[in-house]
Amino acid sequence: MSYCPFAKGDCVDGCVMRIDDECGIALFIKNDLSNKSETEYDENENMIDDDLVQKEAEKIFLEQDLDVVVQELLNFTKENQSGTDSFVDQFDILPEFWKSKKLNDVFAPGRVLNKMAKVQESANKILENELLEKEKKELPDLIKKLCEWAVGKGLNTVKKDQVSVFLRDIDKDISNDSERTLRVEANILLKKNK
């Protein structure tokens, strides 16, 4: 007699699960195990390994200083992002960054997801400040060019839509704050030179 999980003890005679004097449950399990291919075992083993790797990555991530991870994200963004985007691209760059850190950005525990959001927010603030500093340095030259453009068009002042046309003409994209400053400063200069 063998152990029966249903009877929670030895198998009993007259059990409906008995087949030819053998336990049907044991036969089913033995048959099921003998039919499994090696690839199925390998896939299950890989799933377990992936889970362990992810759990370890989550642990390491949670222990890392926020500023360190933010800097890693900034470096990753600058290396992998094309164009002049000023923010971490959440649909392209972020998934690749988290994947490089062996983290699941969808099914991670709440603490991990919260830290991921903080990292992205901090990185975006830093990138926005860098962009504003860069634009601030370019503003004097842009103001001069806008004034020349306005005088060439016979304008005494420039409006928001005219500044947008000017920027499009020179193929320049700047933040709303810098565009507003550009317009105000150009109008002051245009009034002085009347």
N, C-alpha and C. Protein backbone atom coordinates (compact mmCIF):
# COMPACT_ATOMS: atom_id res chain seq x y z
N MET A 1 0.84 -1.18 0.00
CA MET A 1 0.00 0.00 0.00
C MET A 1 0.89 1.24 0.00
N SER A 2 0.39 2.25 -0.69
CA SER A 2 1.14 3.51 -0.74
C SER A 2 0.31 4.62 -0.11
N TYR A 3 0.95 5.77 0.07
CA TYR A 3 0.29 6.92 0.70
C TYR A 3 -0.73 7.53 -0.27
N CYS A 4 -1.89 7.90 0.25
CA CYS A 4 -2.94 8.53 -0.55
C CYS A 4 -3.16 9.95 -0.05
N PRO A 5 -3.01 10.93 -0.92
CA PRO A 5 -3.20 12.32 -0.48
C PRO A 5 -4.66 12.62 -0.13
N PHE A 6 -5.59 11.89 -0.73
CA PHE A 6 -7.00 12.14 -0.44
C PHE A 6 -7.41 11.54 0.90
N ALA A 7 -6.95 10.30 1.16
CA ALA A 7 -7.29 9.63 2.42
C ALA A 7 -6.39 10.12 3.55
N LYS A 8 -5.33 10.83 3.19
CA LYS A 8 -4.34 11.31 4.15
C LYS A 8 -3.81 10.16 5.00
N GLY A 9 -3.48 9.12 4.30
CA GLY A 9 -2.94 7.92 4.95
C GLY A 9 -2.71 6.85 3.90
N ASP A 10 -2.68 5.59 4.35
CA ASP A 10 -2.48 4.49 3.40
C ASP A 10 -3.68 4.36 2.48
N CYS A 11 -3.41 3.88 1.26
CA CYS A 11 -4.49 3.63 0.30
C CYS A 11 -5.46 2.62 0.92
N VAL A 12 -6.70 2.75 0.55
CA VAL A 12 -7.72 1.84 1.07
C VAL A 12 -8.27 0.97 -0.06
N ASP A 13 -8.63 -0.23 0.29
CA ASP A 13 -9.24 -1.10 -0.72
C ASP A 13 -10.59 -0.52 -1.12
N GLY A 14 -10.92 -0.68 -2.38
CA GLY A 14 -12.20 -0.20 -2.87
C GLY A 14 -12.17 1.26 -3.28
N CYS A 15 -11.01 1.84 -3.31
CA CYS A 15 -10.87 3.25 -3.71
C CYS A 15 -11.23 3.38 -5.18
N VAL A 16 -11.96 4.40 -5.52
CA VAL A 16 -12.38 4.61 -6.91
C VAL A 16 -11.20 5.02 -7.79
N MET A 17 -10.10 5.42 -7.20
CA MET A 17 -8.93 5.85 -7.97
C MET A 17 -7.99 4.67 -8.27
N ARG A 18 -8.33 3.47 -7.82
CA ARG A 18 -7.46 2.32 -8.05
C ARG A 18 -7.71 1.75 -9.44
N ILE A 19 -6.63 1.46 -10.12
CA ILE A 19 -6.69 0.86 -11.45
C ILE A 19 -5.79 -0.37 -11.44
N ASP A 20 -6.39 -1.55 -11.66
CA ASP A 20 -5.65 -2.82 -11.68
C ASP A 20 -4.75 -2.95 -10.45
N ASP A 21 -5.30 -2.76 -9.30
CA ASP A 21 -4.61 -2.88 -8.03
C ASP A 21 -3.45 -1.89 -7.85
N GLU A 22 -3.48 -0.82 -8.61
CA GLU A 22 -2.49 0.24 -8.43
C GLU A 22 -3.21 1.56 -8.25
N CYS A 23 -2.57 2.47 -7.57
CA CYS A 23 -3.16 3.79 -7.33
C CYS A 23 -3.18 4.57 -8.64
N GLY A 24 -4.36 5.01 -9.04
CA GLY A 24 -4.51 5.77 -10.28
C GLY A 24 -3.79 7.11 -10.24
N ILE A 25 -3.74 7.70 -9.07
CA ILE A 25 -3.06 9.00 -8.93
C ILE A 25 -1.56 8.81 -9.18
N ALA A 26 -0.99 7.80 -8.57
CA ALA A 26 0.43 7.53 -8.76
C ALA A 26 0.72 7.18 -10.21
N LEU A 27 -0.15 6.39 -10.85
CA LEU A 27 0.03 6.05 -12.27
C LEU A 27 -0.02 7.30 -13.14
N PHE A 28 -0.97 8.18 -12.85
CA PHE A 28 -1.10 9.40 -13.62
C PHE A 28 0.16 10.26 -13.50
N ILE A 29 0.64 10.43 -12.28
CA ILE A 29 1.83 11.25 -12.05
C ILE A 29 3.04 10.63 -12.74
N LYS A 30 3.22 9.30 -12.58
CA LYS A 30 4.35 8.61 -13.20
C LYS A 30 4.28 8.74 -14.72
N ASN A 31 3.09 8.56 -15.28
CA ASN A 31 2.91 8.65 -16.73
C ASN A 31 3.15 10.08 -17.20
N ASP A 32 2.64 11.05 -16.46
CA ASP A 32 2.81 12.45 -16.83
C ASP A 32 4.29 12.84 -16.80
N LEU A 33 5.01 12.40 -15.78
CA LEU A 33 6.43 12.73 -15.67
C LEU A 33 7.24 12.06 -16.77
N SER A 34 6.87 10.83 -17.14
CA SER A 34 7.64 10.13 -18.18
C SER A 34 7.38 10.73 -19.55
N ASN A 35 6.25 11.41 -19.73
CA ASN A 35 5.94 12.02 -21.03
C ASN A 35 6.52 13.42 -21.19
N LYS A 36 6.98 13.99 -20.12
CA LYS A 36 7.55 15.34 -20.22
C LYS A 36 8.88 15.28 -20.96
N SER A 37 9.05 16.23 -21.86
CA SER A 37 10.30 16.28 -22.60
C SER A 37 11.34 17.07 -21.81
N GLU A 38 12.57 16.92 -22.22
CA GLU A 38 13.64 17.65 -21.53
C GLU A 38 13.49 19.16 -21.72
N THR A 39 12.94 19.58 -22.87
CA THR A 39 12.79 21.02 -23.10
C THR A 39 11.79 21.63 -22.13
N GLU A 40 10.75 20.88 -21.76
CA GLU A 40 9.80 21.40 -20.79
C GLU A 40 10.48 21.63 -19.44
N TYR A 41 11.33 20.69 -19.06
CA TYR A 41 12.07 20.87 -17.80
C TYR A 41 13.00 22.06 -17.90
N ASP A 42 13.67 22.20 -19.06
CA ASP A 42 14.58 23.32 -19.26
C ASP A 42 13.83 24.65 -19.19
N GLU A 43 12.63 24.72 -19.82
CA GLU A 43 11.85 25.95 -19.78
C GLU A 43 11.45 26.30 -18.35
N ASN A 44 11.00 25.30 -17.60
CA ASN A 44 10.63 25.54 -16.21
C ASN A 44 11.84 25.98 -15.40
N GLU A 45 12.97 25.36 -15.66
CA GLU A 45 14.20 25.73 -14.95
C GLU A 45 14.60 27.16 -15.30
N ASN A 46 14.47 27.53 -16.60
CA ASN A 46 14.80 28.89 -17.02
C ASN A 46 13.87 29.91 -16.39
N MET A 47 12.58 29.55 -16.26
CA MET A 47 11.63 30.46 -15.62
C MET A 47 12.01 30.69 -14.17
N ILE A 48 12.41 29.63 -13.50
CA ILE A 48 12.84 29.76 -12.11
C ILE A 48 14.09 30.61 -12.03
N ASP A 49 15.05 30.36 -12.94
CA ASP A 49 16.28 31.16 -12.96
C ASP A 49 15.97 32.63 -13.22
N ASP A 50 15.07 32.92 -14.18
CA ASP A 50 14.69 34.30 -14.48
C ASP A 50 14.06 34.97 -13.28
N ASP A 51 13.20 34.25 -12.57
CA ASP A 51 12.57 34.80 -11.37
C ASP A 51 13.62 35.13 -10.31
N LEU A 52 14.58 34.23 -10.14
CA LEU A 52 15.63 34.48 -9.15
C LEU A 52 16.48 35.68 -9.53
N VAL A 53 16.81 35.79 -10.83
CA VAL A 53 17.60 36.91 -11.31
C VAL A 53 16.83 38.22 -11.08
N GLN A 54 15.53 38.21 -11.41
CA GLN A 54 14.74 39.42 -11.23
C GLN A 54 14.63 39.79 -9.75
N LYS A 55 14.40 38.83 -8.90
CA LYS A 55 14.30 39.11 -7.45
C LYS A 55 15.62 39.72 -6.95
N GLU A 56 16.73 39.17 -7.39
CA GLU A 56 18.04 39.68 -6.97
C GLU A 56 18.25 41.09 -7.52
N ALA A 57 17.85 41.31 -8.78
CA ALA A 57 17.98 42.64 -9.39
C ALA A 57 17.13 43.66 -8.64
N GLU A 58 15.91 43.26 -8.25
CA GLU A 58 15.04 44.15 -7.47
C GLU A 58 15.67 44.50 -6.13
N LYS A 59 16.27 43.51 -5.50
CA LYS A 59 16.91 43.74 -4.20
C LYS A 59 18.07 44.73 -4.35
N ILE A 60 18.90 44.51 -5.35
CA ILE A 60 20.04 45.41 -5.60
C ILE A 60 19.55 46.81 -5.93
N PHE A 61 18.51 46.90 -6.77
CA PHE A 61 17.95 48.19 -7.17
C PHE A 61 17.44 48.96 -5.96
N LEU A 62 16.71 48.29 -5.08
CA LEU A 62 16.17 48.95 -3.90
C LEU A 62 17.26 49.42 -2.94
N GLU A 63 18.39 48.73 -2.94
CA GLU A 63 19.50 49.11 -2.06
C GLU A 63 20.34 50.24 -2.65
N GLN A 64 20.28 50.44 -3.97
CA GLN A 64 21.07 51.47 -4.62
C GLN A 64 20.58 52.86 -4.25
N ASP A 65 21.51 53.79 -4.17
CA ASP A 65 21.18 55.19 -3.92
C ASP A 65 20.43 55.75 -5.12
N LEU A 66 19.38 56.52 -4.88
CA LEU A 66 18.55 57.07 -5.94
C LEU A 66 19.38 57.89 -6.93
N ASP A 67 20.29 58.71 -6.43
CA ASP A 67 21.11 59.56 -7.30
C ASP A 67 21.99 58.74 -8.24
N VAL A 68 22.46 57.60 -7.78
CA VAL A 68 23.30 56.74 -8.61
C VAL A 68 22.48 56.19 -9.77
N VAL A 69 21.27 55.73 -9.47
CA VAL A 69 20.41 55.17 -10.53
C VAL A 69 19.98 56.26 -11.50
N VAL A 70 19.70 57.45 -10.99
CA VAL A 70 19.33 58.57 -11.86
C VAL A 70 20.47 58.86 -12.82
N GLN A 71 21.70 58.90 -12.32
CA GLN A 71 22.85 59.17 -13.18
C GLN A 71 23.03 58.06 -14.22
N GLU A 72 22.81 56.82 -13.82
CA GLU A 72 22.88 55.71 -14.78
C GLU A 72 21.84 55.89 -15.88
N LEU A 73 20.62 56.30 -15.50
CA LEU A 73 19.57 56.52 -16.49
C LEU A 73 19.93 57.68 -17.42
N LEU A 74 20.47 58.75 -16.87
CA LEU A 74 20.88 59.88 -17.70
C LEU A 74 21.95 59.47 -18.70
N ASN A 75 22.94 58.73 -18.23
CA ASN A 75 24.00 58.26 -19.13
C ASN A 75 23.42 57.34 -20.21
N PHE A 76 22.56 56.43 -19.81
CA PHE A 76 21.93 55.50 -20.75
C PHE A 76 21.12 56.27 -21.79
N THR A 77 20.38 57.29 -21.32
CA THR A 77 19.56 58.10 -22.23
C THR A 77 20.42 58.84 -23.23
N LYS A 78 21.48 59.46 -22.75
CA LYS A 78 22.35 60.24 -23.64
C LYS A 78 23.06 59.34 -24.66
N GLU A 79 23.37 58.11 -24.27
CA GLU A 79 24.03 57.18 -25.18
C GLU A 79 23.07 56.61 -26.22
N ASN A 80 21.81 56.44 -25.85
CA ASN A 80 20.88 55.70 -26.71
C ASN A 80 19.77 56.52 -27.34
N GLN A 81 19.59 57.75 -26.93
CA GLN A 81 18.48 58.54 -27.46
C GLN A 81 18.97 59.41 -28.60
N SER A 82 18.27 59.32 -29.72
CA SER A 82 18.64 60.14 -30.86
C SER A 82 17.88 61.46 -30.82
N GLY A 83 18.37 62.43 -31.53
CA GLY A 83 17.69 63.71 -31.59
C GLY A 83 18.01 64.58 -30.39
N THR A 84 17.19 65.61 -30.23
CA THR A 84 17.43 66.57 -29.17
C THR A 84 16.35 66.50 -28.10
N ASP A 85 15.80 65.33 -27.90
CA ASP A 85 14.75 65.17 -26.90
C ASP A 85 15.29 65.55 -25.53
N SER A 86 14.45 66.24 -24.77
CA SER A 86 14.91 66.72 -23.47
C SER A 86 14.41 65.85 -22.32
N PHE A 87 13.67 64.82 -22.63
CA PHE A 87 13.13 63.99 -21.57
C PHE A 87 13.42 62.52 -21.83
N VAL A 88 13.37 61.76 -20.77
CA VAL A 88 13.56 60.33 -20.88
C VAL A 88 12.33 59.77 -21.59
N ASP A 89 12.55 59.15 -22.72
CA ASP A 89 11.45 58.59 -23.51
C ASP A 89 10.91 57.35 -22.83
N GLN A 90 9.71 57.46 -22.28
CA GLN A 90 9.16 56.36 -21.50
C GLN A 90 8.73 55.17 -22.35
N PHE A 91 8.62 55.34 -23.66
CA PHE A 91 8.17 54.23 -24.50
C PHE A 91 9.33 53.55 -25.21
N ASP A 92 10.47 54.18 -25.23
CA ASP A 92 11.60 53.63 -25.97
C ASP A 92 12.80 53.40 -25.06
N ILE A 93 13.26 54.44 -24.42
CA ILE A 93 14.47 54.37 -23.61
C ILE A 93 14.23 53.65 -22.28
N LEU A 94 13.18 54.03 -21.56
CA LEU A 94 12.95 53.46 -20.23
C LEU A 94 12.85 51.94 -20.22
N PRO A 95 12.03 51.33 -21.07
CA PRO A 95 11.95 49.86 -21.03
C PRO A 95 13.32 49.21 -21.28
N GLU A 96 14.09 49.78 -22.17
CA GLU A 96 15.43 49.23 -22.44
C GLU A 96 16.35 49.39 -21.23
N PHE A 97 16.24 50.54 -20.56
CA PHE A 97 17.07 50.78 -19.38
C PHE A 97 16.72 49.77 -18.28
N TRP A 98 15.43 49.61 -18.00
CA TRP A 98 15.03 48.67 -16.95
C TRP A 98 15.41 47.24 -17.33
N LYS A 99 15.29 46.92 -18.61
CA LYS A 99 15.67 45.58 -19.07
C LYS A 99 17.17 45.36 -18.86
N SER A 100 17.97 46.40 -19.09
CA SER A 100 19.42 46.28 -18.89
C SER A 100 19.77 46.05 -17.41
N LYS A 101 18.87 46.48 -16.53
CA LYS A 101 19.07 46.28 -15.10
C LYS A 101 18.35 45.02 -14.60
N LYS A 102 17.81 44.23 -15.54
CA LYS A 102 17.09 42.97 -15.23
C LYS A 102 15.85 43.21 -14.38
N LEU A 103 15.18 44.36 -14.62
CA LEU A 103 13.96 44.69 -13.89
C LEU A 103 12.76 44.67 -14.82
N ASN A 104 11.63 44.22 -14.30
CA ASN A 104 10.38 44.21 -15.04
C ASN A 104 9.65 45.49 -14.68
N ASP A 105 9.45 46.37 -15.67
CA ASP A 105 8.84 47.66 -15.40
C ASP A 105 7.32 47.63 -15.35
N VAL A 106 6.73 46.45 -15.46
CA VAL A 106 5.27 46.33 -15.40
C VAL A 106 4.84 45.54 -14.17
N PHE A 107 5.46 44.40 -13.94
CA PHE A 107 5.02 43.50 -12.89
C PHE A 107 5.93 43.49 -11.66
N ALA A 108 6.68 44.54 -11.47
CA ALA A 108 7.56 44.61 -10.30
C ALA A 108 6.72 44.95 -9.06
N PRO A 109 7.24 44.64 -7.88
CA PRO A 109 6.53 45.01 -6.64
C PRO A 109 6.38 46.53 -6.53
N GLY A 110 5.41 46.96 -5.75
CA GLY A 110 5.10 48.38 -5.62
C GLY A 110 6.28 49.24 -5.23
N ARG A 111 7.10 48.77 -4.29
CA ARG A 111 8.27 49.56 -3.85
C ARG A 111 9.23 49.79 -5.01
N VAL A 112 9.39 48.77 -5.84
CA VAL A 112 10.29 48.89 -6.99
C VAL A 112 9.71 49.86 -8.01
N LEU A 113 8.41 49.73 -8.29
CA LEU A 113 7.77 50.64 -9.25
C LEU A 113 7.81 52.08 -8.76
N ASN A 114 7.63 52.30 -7.47
CA ASN A 114 7.71 53.67 -6.92
C ASN A 114 9.10 54.25 -7.11
N LYS A 115 10.12 53.46 -6.85
CA LYS A 115 11.48 53.96 -7.01
C LYS A 115 11.78 54.21 -8.49
N MET A 116 11.25 53.35 -9.36
CA MET A 116 11.43 53.57 -10.80
C MET A 116 10.83 54.92 -11.22
N ALA A 117 9.64 55.22 -10.71
CA ALA A 117 8.97 56.49 -11.03
C ALA A 117 9.79 57.67 -10.51
N LYS A 118 10.35 57.55 -9.32
CA LYS A 118 11.18 58.63 -8.75
C LYS A 118 12.43 58.83 -9.60
N VAL A 119 13.02 57.75 -10.05
CA VAL A 119 14.22 57.84 -10.90
C VAL A 119 13.88 58.58 -12.18
N GLN A 120 12.78 58.21 -12.82
CA GLN A 120 12.39 58.87 -14.07
C GLN A 120 12.10 60.35 -13.85
N GLU A 121 11.38 60.66 -12.78
CA GLU A 121 11.03 62.05 -12.49
C GLU A 121 12.29 62.89 -12.24
N SER A 122 13.21 62.36 -11.45
CA SER A 122 14.45 63.08 -11.16
C SER A 122 15.29 63.28 -12.42
N ALA A 123 15.37 62.25 -13.24
CA ALA A 123 16.14 62.34 -14.49
C ALA A 123 15.53 63.39 -15.41
N ASN A 124 14.20 63.41 -15.51
CA ASN A 124 13.54 64.40 -16.36
C ASN A 124 13.77 65.82 -15.86
N LYS A 125 13.77 66.03 -14.55
CA LYS A 125 14.04 67.36 -14.00
C LYS A 125 15.45 67.82 -14.35
N ILE A 126 16.40 66.90 -14.22
CA ILE A 126 17.79 67.25 -14.55
C ILE A 126 17.92 67.57 -16.03
N LEU A 127 17.30 66.76 -16.89
CA LEU A 127 17.37 67.01 -18.34
C LEU A 127 16.70 68.33 -18.71
N GLU A 128 15.58 68.63 -18.04
CA GLU A 128 14.89 69.89 -18.31
C GLU A 128 15.77 71.07 -17.90
N ASN A 129 16.41 70.99 -16.75
CA ASN A 129 17.31 72.07 -16.31
C ASN A 129 18.49 72.23 -17.25
N GLU A 130 19.05 71.11 -17.73
CA GLU A 130 20.16 71.18 -18.69
C GLU A 130 19.71 71.86 -19.98
N LEU A 131 18.50 71.51 -20.43
CA LEU A 131 17.96 72.11 -21.65
C LEU A 131 17.76 73.61 -21.48
N LEU A 132 17.19 74.01 -20.34
CA LEU A 132 16.97 75.44 -20.10
C LEU A 132 18.28 76.22 -20.03
N GLU A 133 19.29 75.63 -19.42
CA GLU A 133 20.61 76.28 -19.37
C GLU A 133 21.20 76.44 -20.77
N LYS A 134 21.07 75.41 -21.57
CA LYS A 134 21.58 75.45 -22.95
C LYS A 134 20.84 76.54 -23.75
N GLU A 135 19.52 76.58 -23.60
CA GLU A 135 18.72 77.57 -24.32
C GLU A 135 19.04 78.99 -23.84
N LYS A 136 19.28 79.12 -22.55
CA LYS A 136 19.61 80.43 -21.97
C LYS A 136 20.88 81.00 -22.61
N LYS A 137 21.84 80.12 -22.87
CA LYS A 137 23.10 80.55 -23.50
C LYS A 137 22.88 80.95 -24.96
N GLU A 138 21.91 80.31 -25.62
CA GLU A 138 21.64 80.58 -27.03
C GLU A 138 20.72 81.78 -27.25
N LEU A 139 20.02 82.21 -26.19
CA LEU A 139 19.01 83.27 -26.34
C LEU A 139 19.54 84.58 -26.93
N PRO A 140 20.69 85.13 -26.48
CA PRO A 140 21.13 86.41 -27.06
C PRO A 140 21.28 86.35 -28.58
N ASP A 141 21.84 85.27 -29.08
CA ASP A 141 21.99 85.12 -30.53
C ASP A 141 20.64 84.99 -31.21
N LEU A 142 19.72 84.22 -30.59
CA LEU A 142 18.38 84.06 -31.16
C LEU A 142 17.60 85.38 -31.16
N ILE A 143 17.77 86.18 -30.11
CA ILE A 143 17.09 87.48 -30.04
C ILE A 143 17.55 88.37 -31.19
N LYS A 144 18.86 88.39 -31.41
CA LYS A 144 19.43 89.19 -32.49
C LYS A 144 18.89 88.72 -33.85
N LYS A 145 18.89 87.42 -34.07
CA LYS A 145 18.39 86.87 -35.34
C LYS A 145 16.89 87.15 -35.52
N LEU A 146 16.12 87.04 -34.44
CA LEU A 146 14.68 87.31 -34.52
C LEU A 146 14.43 88.77 -34.86
N CYS A 147 15.19 89.69 -34.25
CA CYS A 147 15.04 91.12 -34.56
C CYS A 147 15.35 91.40 -36.03
N GLU A 148 16.43 90.80 -36.52
CA GLU A 148 16.78 90.96 -37.94
C GLU A 148 15.68 90.41 -38.84
N TRP A 149 15.15 89.27 -38.47
CA TRP A 149 14.07 88.64 -39.23
C TRP A 149 12.84 89.54 -39.24
N ALA A 150 12.49 90.10 -38.06
CA ALA A 150 11.31 90.96 -37.94
C ALA A 150 11.47 92.23 -38.75
N VAL A 151 12.65 92.86 -38.68
CA VAL A 151 12.91 94.08 -39.46
C VAL A 151 12.82 93.77 -40.94
N GLY A 152 13.36 92.62 -41.35
CA GLY A 152 13.27 92.20 -42.75
C GLY A 152 11.84 91.99 -43.22
N LYS A 153 10.96 91.65 -42.31
CA LYS A 153 9.54 91.46 -42.64
C LYS A 153 8.74 92.74 -42.43
N GLY A 154 9.40 93.81 -41.95
CA GLY A 154 8.71 95.08 -41.72
C GLY A 154 7.87 95.09 -40.45
N LEU A 155 8.25 94.30 -39.47
CA LEU A 155 7.48 94.22 -38.23
C LEU A 155 8.11 95.11 -37.16
N ASN A 156 7.25 95.80 -36.37
CA ASN A 156 7.73 96.60 -35.24
C ASN A 156 7.73 95.79 -33.95
N THR A 157 6.86 94.79 -33.88
CA THR A 157 6.81 93.87 -32.75
C THR A 157 6.56 92.47 -33.30
N VAL A 158 6.86 91.48 -32.46
CA VAL A 158 6.59 90.10 -32.88
C VAL A 158 5.61 89.46 -31.92
N LYS A 159 4.70 88.71 -32.49
CA LYS A 159 3.71 87.99 -31.69
C LYS A 159 4.12 86.53 -31.58
N LYS A 160 3.41 85.82 -30.74
CA LYS A 160 3.75 84.43 -30.45
C LYS A 160 3.79 83.58 -31.72
N ASP A 161 2.79 83.72 -32.56
CA ASP A 161 2.77 82.90 -33.78
C ASP A 161 3.90 83.29 -34.74
N GLN A 162 4.30 84.56 -34.73
CA GLN A 162 5.41 84.99 -35.58
C GLN A 162 6.74 84.41 -35.08
N VAL A 163 6.88 84.33 -33.76
CA VAL A 163 8.08 83.71 -33.19
C VAL A 163 8.13 82.23 -33.58
N SER A 164 6.97 81.58 -33.56
CA SER A 164 6.90 80.17 -33.97
C SER A 164 7.31 79.99 -35.42
N VAL A 165 6.86 80.91 -36.28
CA VAL A 165 7.24 80.85 -37.71
C VAL A 165 8.74 81.05 -37.85
N PHE A 166 9.28 82.03 -37.13
CA PHE A 166 10.73 82.28 -37.17
C PHE A 166 11.52 81.03 -36.75
N LEU A 167 11.12 80.44 -35.64
CA LEU A 167 11.82 79.25 -35.15
C LEU A 167 11.72 78.09 -36.14
N ARG A 168 10.57 77.97 -36.77
CA ARG A 168 10.39 76.91 -37.77
C ARG A 168 11.29 77.19 -38.98
N ASP A 169 11.39 78.47 -39.37
CA ASP A 169 12.25 78.85 -40.51
C ASP A 169 13.71 78.49 -40.27
N ILE A 170 14.17 78.67 -39.02
CA ILE A 170 15.58 78.35 -38.73
C ILE A 170 15.74 76.94 -38.17
N ASP A 171 14.65 76.19 -38.17
CA ASP A 171 14.64 74.79 -37.72
C ASP A 171 15.18 74.66 -36.29
N LYS A 172 14.58 75.46 -35.41
CA LYS A 172 14.98 75.48 -34.01
C LYS A 172 13.77 75.16 -33.14
N ASP A 173 13.98 74.28 -32.18
CA ASP A 173 12.91 73.90 -31.25
C ASP A 173 13.38 74.25 -29.85
N ILE A 174 12.61 75.14 -29.17
CA ILE A 174 12.97 75.53 -27.81
C ILE A 174 11.74 75.39 -26.91
N SER A 175 11.98 75.43 -25.61
CA SER A 175 10.90 75.28 -24.64
C SER A 175 9.98 76.50 -24.68
N ASN A 176 8.78 76.35 -24.14
CA ASN A 176 7.81 77.45 -24.10
C ASN A 176 8.35 78.63 -23.31
N ASP A 177 9.03 78.35 -22.20
CA ASP A 177 9.60 79.43 -21.39
C ASP A 177 10.63 80.23 -22.18
N SER A 178 11.50 79.54 -22.88
CA SER A 178 12.54 80.22 -23.67
C SER A 178 11.91 80.97 -24.84
N GLU A 179 10.87 80.40 -25.43
CA GLU A 179 10.19 81.07 -26.54
C GLU A 179 9.53 82.37 -26.07
N ARG A 180 8.93 82.33 -24.88
CA ARG A 180 8.30 83.53 -24.31
C ARG A 180 9.37 84.59 -24.02
N THR A 181 10.48 84.19 -23.44
CA THR A 181 11.58 85.12 -23.15
C THR A 181 12.12 85.71 -24.45
N LEU A 182 12.26 84.88 -25.46
CA LEU A 182 12.75 85.33 -26.77
C LEU A 182 11.83 86.42 -27.33
N ARG A 183 10.54 86.20 -27.27
CA ARG A 183 9.57 87.16 -27.80
C ARG A 183 9.62 88.48 -27.02
N VAL A 184 9.62 88.40 -25.70
CA VAL A 184 9.63 89.61 -24.87
C VAL A 184 10.90 90.42 -25.10
N GLU A 185 12.05 89.75 -25.06
CA GLU A 185 13.33 90.44 -25.24
C GLU A 185 13.46 91.04 -26.64
N ALA A 186 12.99 90.33 -27.65
CA ALA A 186 13.05 90.84 -29.02
C ALA A 186 12.16 92.08 -29.15
N ASN A 187 10.98 92.05 -28.56
CA ASN A 187 10.08 93.22 -28.63
C ASN A 187 10.69 94.43 -27.92
N ILE A 188 11.37 94.22 -26.80
CA ILE A 188 12.05 95.32 -26.11
C ILE A 188 13.13 95.91 -27.01
N LEU A 189 13.91 95.07 -27.63
CA LEU A 189 14.98 95.51 -28.52
C LEU A 189 14.42 96.20 -29.77
N LEU A 190 13.34 95.68 -30.31
CA LEU A 190 12.73 96.30 -31.49
C LEU A 190 12.18 97.70 -31.17
N LYS A 191 11.61 97.87 -29.97
CA LYS A 191 11.08 99.18 -29.56
C LYS A 191 12.22 100.18 -29.36
N LYS A 192 13.36 99.73 -28.82
CA LYS A 192 14.51 100.62 -28.62
C LYS A 192 15.08 101.09 -29.95
N ASN A 193 15.05 100.25 -30.95
CA ASN A 193 15.69 100.56 -32.25
C ASN A 193 14.73 101.23 -33.23
N LYS A 194 13.55 101.64 -32.80
CA LYS A 194 12.58 102.30 -33.71
C LYS A 194 13.10 103.58 -34.27
